[in-house]
Amino acid sequence: GFTTEGGGSGWIIDESGIIVTNAHVVSGASSITVTLDDG
């Protein structure tokens, strides 16, 4: 019943929008948002 927030970084490996990151950054997440360099 509690919501916790976290995050990390990633990098674009393919121009179609595929992003690489660490598993521990996104494991267990119920929702994820990505902020691009252009905001």
All heavy atoms as atom14 arrays in JSON, in Angstrom:
{
  "sequence": "GFTTEGGGSGWIIDESGIIVTNAHVVSGASSITVTLDDG",
  "atom14_mask": [
    [1, 1, 1, 1, 0, 0, 0, 0, 0, 0, 0, 0, 0, 0],
    [1, 1, 1, 1, 1, 1, 1, 1, 1, 1, 1, 0, 0, 0],
    [1, 1, 1, 1, 1, 1, 1, 0, 0, 0, 0, 0, 0, 0],
    [1, 1, 1, 1, 1, 1, 1, 0, 0, 0, 0, 0, 0, 0],
    [1, 1, 1, 1, 1, 1, 1, 1, 1, 0, 0, 0, 0, 0],
    [1, 1, 1, 1, 0, 0, 0, 0, 0, 0, 0, 0, 0, 0],
    [1, 1, 1, 1, 0, 0, 0, 0, 0, 0, 0, 0, 0, 0],
    [1, 1, 1, 1, 0, 0, 0, 0, 0, 0, 0, 0, 0, 0],
    [1, 1, 1, 1, 1, 1, 0, 0, 0, 0, 0, 0, 0, 0],
    [1, 1, 1, 1, 0, 0, 0, 0, 0, 0, 0, 0, 0, 0],
    [1, 1, 1, 1, 1, 1, 1, 1, 1, 1, 1, 1, 1, 1],
    [1, 1, 1, 1, 1, 1, 1, 1, 0, 0, 0, 0, 0, 0],
    [1, 1, 1, 1, 1, 1, 1, 1, 0, 0, 0, 0, 0, 0],
    [1, 1, 1, 1, 1, 1, 1, 1, 0, 0, 0, 0, 0, 0],
    [1, 1, 1, 1, 1, 1, 1, 1, 1, 0, 0, 0, 0, 0],
    [1, 1, 1, 1, 1, 1, 0, 0, 0, 0, 0, 0, 0, 0],
    [1, 1, 1, 1, 0, 0, 0, 0, 0, 0, 0, 0, 0, 0],
    [1, 1, 1, 1, 1, 1, 1, 1, 0, 0, 0, 0, 0, 0],
    [1, 1, 1, 1, 1, 1, 1, 1, 0, 0, 0, 0, 0, 0],
    [1, 1, 1, 1, 1, 1, 1, 0, 0, 0, 0, 0, 0, 0],
    [1, 1, 1, 1, 1, 1, 1, 0, 0, 0, 0, 0, 0, 0],
    [1, 1, 1, 1, 1, 1, 1, 1, 0, 0, 0, 0, 0, 0],
    [1, 1, 1, 1, 1, 0, 0, 0, 0, 0, 0, 0, 0, 0],
    [1, 1, 1, 1, 1, 1, 1, 1, 1, 1, 0, 0, 0, 0],
    [1, 1, 1, 1, 1, 1, 1, 0, 0, 0, 0, 0, 0, 0],
    [1, 1, 1, 1, 1, 1, 1, 0, 0, 0, 0, 0, 0, 0],
    [1, 1, 1, 1, 1, 1, 0, 0, 0, 0, 0, 0, 0, 0],
    [1, 1, 1, 1, 0, 0, 0, 0, 0, 0, 0, 0, 0, 0],
    [1, 1, 1, 1, 1, 0, 0, 0, 0, 0, 0, 0, 0, 0],
    [1, 1, 1, 1, 1, 1, 0, 0, 0, 0, 0, 0, 0, 0],
    [1, 1, 1, 1, 1, 1, 0, 0, 0, 0, 0, 0, 0, 0],
    [1, 1, 1, 1, 1, 1, 1, 1, 0, 0, 0, 0, 0, 0],
    [1, 1, 1, 1, 1, 1, 1, 0, 0, 0, 0, 0, 0, 0],
    [1, 1, 1, 1, 1, 1, 1, 0, 0, 0, 0, 0, 0, 0],
    [1, 1, 1, 1, 1, 1, 1, 0, 0, 0, 0, 0, 0, 0],
    [1, 1, 1, 1, 1, 1, 1, 1, 0, 0, 0, 0, 0, 0],
    [1, 1, 1, 1, 1, 1, 1, 1, 0, 0, 0, 0, 0, 0],
    [1, 1, 1, 1, 1, 1, 1, 1, 0, 0, 0, 0, 0, 0],
    [1, 1, 1, 1, 0, 0, 0, 0, 0, 0, 0, 0, 0, 0]
  ],
  "atom14_positions": [
    [[0.77, -1.22, 0.0], [0.0, 0.0, 0.0], [0.81, 1.28, 0.0], [0.24, 2.38, -0.05], [0.0, 0.0, 0.0], [0.0, 0.0, 0.0], [0.0, 0.0, 0.0], [0.0, 0.0, 0.0], [0.0, 0.0, 0.0], [0.0, 0.0, 0.0], [0.0, 0.0, 0.0], [0.0, 0.0, 0.0], [0.0, 0.0, 0.0], [0.0, 0.0, 0.0]],
    [[2.13, 1.16, 0.06], [2.99, 2.33, 0.05], [3.69, 2.45, -1.3], [4.1, 1.45, -1.9], [4.04, 2.24, 1.16], [3.45, 2.28, 2.55], [3.18, 1.1, 3.23], [3.17, 3.48, 3.17], [2.63, 1.12, 4.51], [2.64, 3.52, 4.44], [2.36, 2.34, 5.12], [0.0, 0.0, 0.0], [0.0, 0.0, 0.0], [0.0, 0.0, 0.0]],
    [[3.85, 3.67, -1.76], [4.53, 3.93, -3.02], [5.91, 4.52, -2.74], [6.04, 5.5, -2.0], [3.73, 4.91, -3.89], [2.45, 4.35, -4.18], [4.47, 5.19, -5.21], [0.0, 0.0, 0.0], [0.0, 0.0, 0.0], [0.0, 0.0, 0.0], [0.0, 0.0, 0.0], [0.0, 0.0, 0.0], [0.0, 0.0, 0.0], [0.0, 0.0, 0.0]],
    [[6.92, 3.9, -3.32], [8.28, 4.41, -3.19], [8.79, 4.8, -4.57], [8.42, 4.19, -5.58], [9.22, 3.37, -2.57], [9.19, 2.16, -3.36], [8.81, 3.04, -1.15], [0.0, 0.0, 0.0], [0.0, 0.0, 0.0], [0.0, 0.0, 0.0], [0.0, 0.0, 0.0], [0.0, 0.0, 0.0], [0.0, 0.0, 0.0], [0.0, 0.0, 0.0]],
    [[9.62, 5.82, -4.6], [10.16, 6.31, -5.86], [11.66, 6.05, -5.92], [12.34, 6.01, -4.89], [9.9, 7.82, -5.99], [8.42, 8.17, -6.04], [8.2, 9.66, -6.17], [9.16, 10.43, -5.9], [7.08, 10.07, -6.54], [0.0, 0.0, 0.0], [0.0, 0.0, 0.0], [0.0, 0.0, 0.0], [0.0, 0.0, 0.0], [0.0, 0.0, 0.0]],
    [[12.14, 5.85, -7.11], [13.56, 5.63, -7.31], [13.93, 6.01, -8.72], [13.14, 6.63, -9.45], [0.0, 0.0, 0.0], [0.0, 0.0, 0.0], [0.0, 0.0, 0.0], [0.0, 0.0, 0.0], [0.0, 0.0, 0.0], [0.0, 0.0, 0.0], [0.0, 0.0, 0.0], [0.0, 0.0, 0.0], [0.0, 0.0, 0.0], [0.0, 0.0, 0.0]],
    [[15.12, 5.65, -9.12], [15.52, 5.96, -10.48], [16.97, 5.69, -10.75], [17.7, 5.16, -9.92], [0.0, 0.0, 0.0], [0.0, 0.0, 0.0], [0.0, 0.0, 0.0], [0.0, 0.0, 0.0], [0.0, 0.0, 0.0], [0.0, 0.0, 0.0], [0.0, 0.0, 0.0], [0.0, 0.0, 0.0], [0.0, 0.0, 0.0], [0.0, 0.0, 0.0]],
    [[17.36, 6.06, -11.93], [18.73, 5.85, -12.37], [18.9, 6.46, -13.74], [18.25, 7.45, -14.09], [0.0, 0.0, 0.0], [0.0, 0.0, 0.0], [0.0, 0.0, 0.0], [0.0, 0.0, 0.0], [0.0, 0.0, 0.0], [0.0, 0.0, 0.0], [0.0, 0.0, 0.0], [0.0, 0.0, 0.0], [0.0, 0.0, 0.0], [0.0, 0.0, 0.0]],
    [[19.74, 5.85, -14.51], [20.06, 6.36, -15.84], [19.94, 5.25, -16.88], [19.8, 4.07, -16.54], [21.49, 6.93, -15.86], [21.67, 7.91, -14.87], [0.0, 0.0, 0.0], [0.0, 0.0, 0.0], [0.0, 0.0, 0.0], [0.0, 0.0, 0.0], [0.0, 0.0, 0.0], [0.0, 0.0, 0.0], [0.0, 0.0, 0.0], [0.0, 0.0, 0.0]],
    [[20.0, 5.65, -18.11], [20.01, 4.7, -19.22], [20.59, 5.39, -20.44], [20.91, 6.58, -20.41], [0.0, 0.0, 0.0], [0.0, 0.0, 0.0], [0.0, 0.0, 0.0], [0.0, 0.0, 0.0], [0.0, 0.0, 0.0], [0.0, 0.0, 0.0], [0.0, 0.0, 0.0], [0.0, 0.0, 0.0], [0.0, 0.0, 0.0], [0.0, 0.0, 0.0]],
    [[20.75, 4.64, -21.51], [21.26, 5.22, -22.75], [20.6, 4.54, -23.94], [20.26, 3.37, -23.9], [22.77, 5.13, -22.83], [23.34, 3.77, -22.6], [23.54, 3.14, -21.4], [23.78, 2.83, -23.61], [24.07, 1.88, -21.59], [24.23, 1.68, -22.92], [23.84, 2.88, -24.99], [24.73, 0.56, -23.6], [24.34, 1.77, -25.67], [24.79, 0.63, -24.96]],
    [[20.4, 5.33, -24.98], [19.69, 4.87, -26.18], [20.66, 4.07, -27.04], [21.69, 4.58, -27.49], [19.13, 6.06, -26.96], [18.17, 6.86, -26.06], [18.42, 5.59, -28.22], [17.84, 8.24, -26.62], [0.0, 0.0, 0.0], [0.0, 0.0, 0.0], [0.0, 0.0, 0.0], [0.0, 0.0, 0.0], [0.0, 0.0, 0.0], [0.0, 0.0, 0.0]],
    [[20.31, 2.81, -27.29], [21.17, 1.95, -28.11], [20.64, 1.83, -29.54], [21.36, 1.45, -30.45], [21.31, 0.55, -27.48], [22.47, -0.22, -28.15], [20.01, -0.24, -27.56], [22.82, -1.53, -27.48], [0.0, 0.0, 0.0], [0.0, 0.0, 0.0], [0.0, 0.0, 0.0], [0.0, 0.0, 0.0], [0.0, 0.0, 0.0], [0.0, 0.0, 0.0]],
    [[19.37, 2.19, -29.73], [18.78, 2.1, -31.07], [17.86, 3.3, -31.27], [17.12, 3.7, -30.37], [17.99, 0.8, -31.23], [17.53, 0.58, -32.66], [18.3, 0.04, -33.46], [16.39, 0.97, -32.98], [0.0, 0.0, 0.0], [0.0, 0.0, 0.0], [0.0, 0.0, 0.0], [0.0, 0.0, 0.0], [0.0, 0.0, 0.0], [0.0, 0.0, 0.0]],
    [[17.9, 3.89, -32.47], [17.15, 5.11, -32.74], [15.64, 4.92, -32.65], [14.87, 5.88, -32.55], [17.5, 5.66, -34.12], [17.12, 4.76, -35.27], [17.47, 5.34, -36.63], [18.23, 6.34, -36.69], [16.96, 4.81, -37.64], [0.0, 0.0, 0.0], [0.0, 0.0, 0.0], [0.0, 0.0, 0.0], [0.0, 0.0, 0.0], [0.0, 0.0, 0.0]],
    [[15.18, 3.65, -32.63], [13.75, 3.39, -32.49], [13.26, 3.63, -31.07], [12.05, 3.59, -30.82], [13.44, 1.94, -32.9], [14.05, 1.03, -31.99], [0.0, 0.0, 0.0], [0.0, 0.0, 0.0], [0.0, 0.0, 0.0], [0.0, 0.0, 0.0], [0.0, 0.0, 0.0], [0.0, 0.0, 0.0], [0.0, 0.0, 0.0], [0.0, 0.0, 0.0]],
    [[14.18, 3.88, -30.13], [13.78, 4.17, -28.76], [14.12, 3.09, -27.76], [13.65, 3.12, -26.62], [0.0, 0.0, 0.0], [0.0, 0.0, 0.0], [0.0, 0.0, 0.0], [0.0, 0.0, 0.0], [0.0, 0.0, 0.0], [0.0, 0.0, 0.0], [0.0, 0.0, 0.0], [0.0, 0.0, 0.0], [0.0, 0.0, 0.0], [0.0, 0.0, 0.0]],
    [[14.95, 2.13, -28.15], [15.37, 1.07, -27.22], [16.45, 1.62, -26.3], [17.44, 2.2, -26.77], [15.87, -0.17, -27.97], [14.74, -0.75, -28.83], [16.36, -1.22, -26.98], [15.17, -1.91, -29.7], [0.0, 0.0, 0.0], [0.0, 0.0, 0.0], [0.0, 0.0, 0.0], [0.0, 0.0, 0.0], [0.0, 0.0, 0.0], [0.0, 0.0, 0.0]],
    [[16.27, 1.42, -25.01], [17.16, 1.98, -23.99], [17.73, 0.86, -23.14], [17.04, -0.09, -22.78], [16.37, 2.98, -23.11], [15.97, 4.2, -23.94], [17.17, 3.4, -21.88], [14.97, 5.11, -23.26], [0.0, 0.0, 0.0], [0.0, 0.0, 0.0], [0.0, 0.0, 0.0], [0.0, 0.0, 0.0], [0.0, 0.0, 0.0], [0.0, 0.0, 0.0]],
    [[19.01, 0.99, -22.79], [19.71, 0.04, -21.93], [19.87, 0.66, -20.55], [20.16, 1.85, -20.42], [21.09, -0.31, -22.51], [21.86, -1.23, -21.55], [20.95, -0.97, -23.88], [0.0, 0.0, 0.0], [0.0, 0.0, 0.0], [0.0, 0.0, 0.0], [0.0, 0.0, 0.0], [0.0, 0.0, 0.0], [0.0, 0.0, 0.0], [0.0, 0.0, 0.0]],
    [[19.68, -0.14, -19.51], [19.9, 0.31, -18.14], [20.29, -0.89, -17.29], [20.53, -1.98, -17.81], [18.65, 1.03, -17.59], [18.95, 1.58, -16.31], [17.47, 0.08, -17.47], [0.0, 0.0, 0.0], [0.0, 0.0, 0.0], [0.0, 0.0, 0.0], [0.0, 0.0, 0.0], [0.0, 0.0, 0.0], [0.0, 0.0, 0.0], [0.0, 0.0, 0.0]],
    [[20.36, -0.69, -15.98], [20.61, -1.79, -15.05], [19.29, -2.43, -14.64], [18.26, -1.75, -14.51], [21.31, -1.31, -13.78], [22.77, -1.02, -13.97], [23.31, -0.11, -13.35], [23.46, -1.79, -14.81], [0.0, 0.0, 0.0], [0.0, 0.0, 0.0], [0.0, 0.0, 0.0], [0.0, 0.0, 0.0], [0.0, 0.0, 0.0], [0.0, 0.0, 0.0]],
    [[19.32, -3.73, -14.4], [18.11, -4.42, -13.93], [17.65, -3.86, -12.61], [16.44, -3.7, -12.37], [18.39, -5.92, -13.82], [0.0, 0.0, 0.0], [0.0, 0.0, 0.0], [0.0, 0.0, 0.0], [0.0, 0.0, 0.0], [0.0, 0.0, 0.0], [0.0, 0.0, 0.0], [0.0, 0.0, 0.0], [0.0, 0.0, 0.0], [0.0, 0.0, 0.0]],
    [[18.59, -3.54, -11.71], [18.16, -3.09, -10.38], [17.53, -1.71, -10.41], [16.88, -1.31, -9.45], [19.33, -3.14, -9.4], [20.35, -2.06, -9.56], [21.54, -2.26, -10.23], [20.37, -0.78, -9.13], [22.24, -1.14, -10.19], [21.56, -0.23, -9.53], [0.0, 0.0, 0.0], [0.0, 0.0, 0.0], [0.0, 0.0, 0.0], [0.0, 0.0, 0.0]],
    [[17.69, -0.98, -11.51], [17.04, 0.33, -11.63], [15.53, 0.17, -11.85], [14.73, 0.95, -11.33], [17.66, 1.14, -12.79], [16.85, 2.39, -13.09], [19.1, 1.51, -12.46], [0.0, 0.0, 0.0], [0.0, 0.0, 0.0], [0.0, 0.0, 0.0], [0.0, 0.0, 0.0], [0.0, 0.0, 0.0], [0.0, 0.0, 0.0], [0.0, 0.0, 0.0]],
    [[15.13, -0.86, -12.6], [13.72, -1.0, -12.99], [13.03, -2.22, -12.4], [11.81, -2.35, -12.52], [13.59, -1.04, -14.53], [14.02, 0.29, -15.14], [14.42, -2.18, -15.14], [0.0, 0.0, 0.0], [0.0, 0.0, 0.0], [0.0, 0.0, 0.0], [0.0, 0.0, 0.0], [0.0, 0.0, 0.0], [0.0, 0.0, 0.0], [0.0, 0.0, 0.0]],
    [[13.76, -3.12, -11.75], [13.14, -4.33, -11.19], [12.09, -3.95, -10.15], [12.33, -3.13, -9.28], [14.2, -5.23, -10.55], [15.03, -5.81, -11.52], [0.0, 0.0, 0.0], [0.0, 0.0, 0.0], [0.0, 0.0, 0.0], [0.0, 0.0, 0.0], [0.0, 0.0, 0.0], [0.0, 0.0, 0.0], [0.0, 0.0, 0.0], [0.0, 0.0, 0.0]],
    [[10.93, -4.59, -10.24], [9.88, -4.36, -9.27], [9.07, -3.1, -9.48], [8.14, -2.82, -8.71], [0.0, 0.0, 0.0], [0.0, 0.0, 0.0], [0.0, 0.0, 0.0], [0.0, 0.0, 0.0], [0.0, 0.0, 0.0], [0.0, 0.0, 0.0], [0.0, 0.0, 0.0], [0.0, 0.0, 0.0], [0.0, 0.0, 0.0], [0.0, 0.0, 0.0]],
    [[9.39, -2.33, -10.5], [8.69, -1.07, -10.73], [7.28, -1.32, -11.23], [7.04, -2.19, -12.07], [9.45, -0.2, -11.72], [0.0, 0.0, 0.0], [0.0, 0.0, 0.0], [0.0, 0.0, 0.0], [0.0, 0.0, 0.0], [0.0, 0.0, 0.0], [0.0, 0.0, 0.0], [0.0, 0.0, 0.0], [0.0, 0.0, 0.0], [0.0, 0.0, 0.0]],
    [[6.33, -0.54, -10.73], [4.96, -0.6, -11.23], [4.75, 0.39, -12.36], [3.85, 0.23, -13.18], [3.98, -0.32, -10.09], [4.25, 0.92, -9.48], [0.0, 0.0, 0.0], [0.0, 0.0, 0.0], [0.0, 0.0, 0.0], [0.0, 0.0, 0.0], [0.0, 0.0, 0.0], [0.0, 0.0, 0.0], [0.0, 0.0, 0.0], [0.0, 0.0, 0.0]],
    [[5.58, 1.44, -12.39], [5.54, 2.4, -13.5], [6.92, 3.01, -13.68], [7.69, 3.13, -12.72], [4.51, 3.5, -13.25], [4.87, 4.3, -12.14], [0.0, 0.0, 0.0], [0.0, 0.0, 0.0], [0.0, 0.0, 0.0], [0.0, 0.0, 0.0], [0.0, 0.0, 0.0], [0.0, 0.0, 0.0], [0.0, 0.0, 0.0], [0.0, 0.0, 0.0]],
    [[7.23, 3.36, -14.93], [8.52, 3.93, -15.28], [8.3, 5.11, -16.22], [7.48, 5.04, -17.14], [9.43, 2.89, -15.97], [9.64, 1.66, -15.08], [10.78, 3.5, -16.36], [10.35, 0.52, -15.79], [0.0, 0.0, 0.0], [0.0, 0.0, 0.0], [0.0, 0.0, 0.0], [0.0, 0.0, 0.0], [0.0, 0.0, 0.0], [0.0, 0.0, 0.0]],
    [[9.02, 6.19, -16.0], [9.04, 7.29, -16.95], [10.49, 7.59, -17.33], [11.4, 7.43, -16.52], [8.4, 8.57, -16.39], [9.06, 8.93, -15.17], [6.92, 8.36, -16.14], [0.0, 0.0, 0.0], [0.0, 0.0, 0.0], [0.0, 0.0, 0.0], [0.0, 0.0, 0.0], [0.0, 0.0, 0.0], [0.0, 0.0, 0.0], [0.0, 0.0, 0.0]],
    [[10.67, 8.01, -18.56], [11.99, 8.32, -19.08], [12.02, 9.8, -19.47], [11.1, 10.28, -20.16], [12.32, 7.45, -20.3], [13.54, 7.98, -21.05], [12.58, 6.01, -19.87], [0.0, 0.0, 0.0], [0.0, 0.0, 0.0], [0.0, 0.0, 0.0], [0.0, 0.0, 0.0], [0.0, 0.0, 0.0], [0.0, 0.0, 0.0], [0.0, 0.0, 0.0]],
    [[13.04, 10.51, -19.03], [13.24, 11.9, -19.43], [14.39, 11.96, -20.42], [15.53, 11.61, -20.1], [13.55, 12.8, -18.22], [12.48, 12.71, -17.27], [13.72, 14.24, -18.66], [0.0, 0.0, 0.0], [0.0, 0.0, 0.0], [0.0, 0.0, 0.0], [0.0, 0.0, 0.0], [0.0, 0.0, 0.0], [0.0, 0.0, 0.0], [0.0, 0.0, 0.0]],
    [[14.09, 12.39, -21.63], [15.1, 12.5, -22.67], [15.95, 13.74, -22.44], [15.59, 14.65, -21.68], [14.45, 12.56, -24.04], [13.57, 11.37, -24.44], [12.96, 11.61, -25.82], [14.35, 10.07, -24.41], [0.0, 0.0, 0.0], [0.0, 0.0, 0.0], [0.0, 0.0, 0.0], [0.0, 0.0, 0.0], [0.0, 0.0, 0.0], [0.0, 0.0, 0.0]],
    [[17.07, 13.81, -23.12], [17.98, 14.95, -22.97], [17.33, 16.26, -23.4], [17.67, 17.32, -22.89], [19.25, 14.7, -23.79], [20.29, 15.79, -23.57], [20.75, 15.97, -22.43], [20.64, 16.47, -24.56], [0.0, 0.0, 0.0], [0.0, 0.0, 0.0], [0.0, 0.0, 0.0], [0.0, 0.0, 0.0], [0.0, 0.0, 0.0], [0.0, 0.0, 0.0]],
    [[16.36, 16.18, -24.31], [15.7, 17.4, -24.77], [14.56, 17.82, -23.84], [13.84, 18.79, -24.12], [15.18, 17.24, -26.2], [14.16, 16.12, -26.35], [13.62, 15.65, -25.32], [13.89, 15.71, -27.49], [0.0, 0.0, 0.0], [0.0, 0.0, 0.0], [0.0, 0.0, 0.0], [0.0, 0.0, 0.0], [0.0, 0.0, 0.0], [0.0, 0.0, 0.0]],
    [[14.37, 17.11, -22.72], [13.38, 17.48, -21.73], [12.06, 16.76, -21.83], [11.23, 16.86, -20.91], [0.0, 0.0, 0.0], [0.0, 0.0, 0.0], [0.0, 0.0, 0.0], [0.0, 0.0, 0.0], [0.0, 0.0, 0.0], [0.0, 0.0, 0.0], [0.0, 0.0, 0.0], [0.0, 0.0, 0.0], [0.0, 0.0, 0.0], [0.0, 0.0, 0.0]]
  ]
}
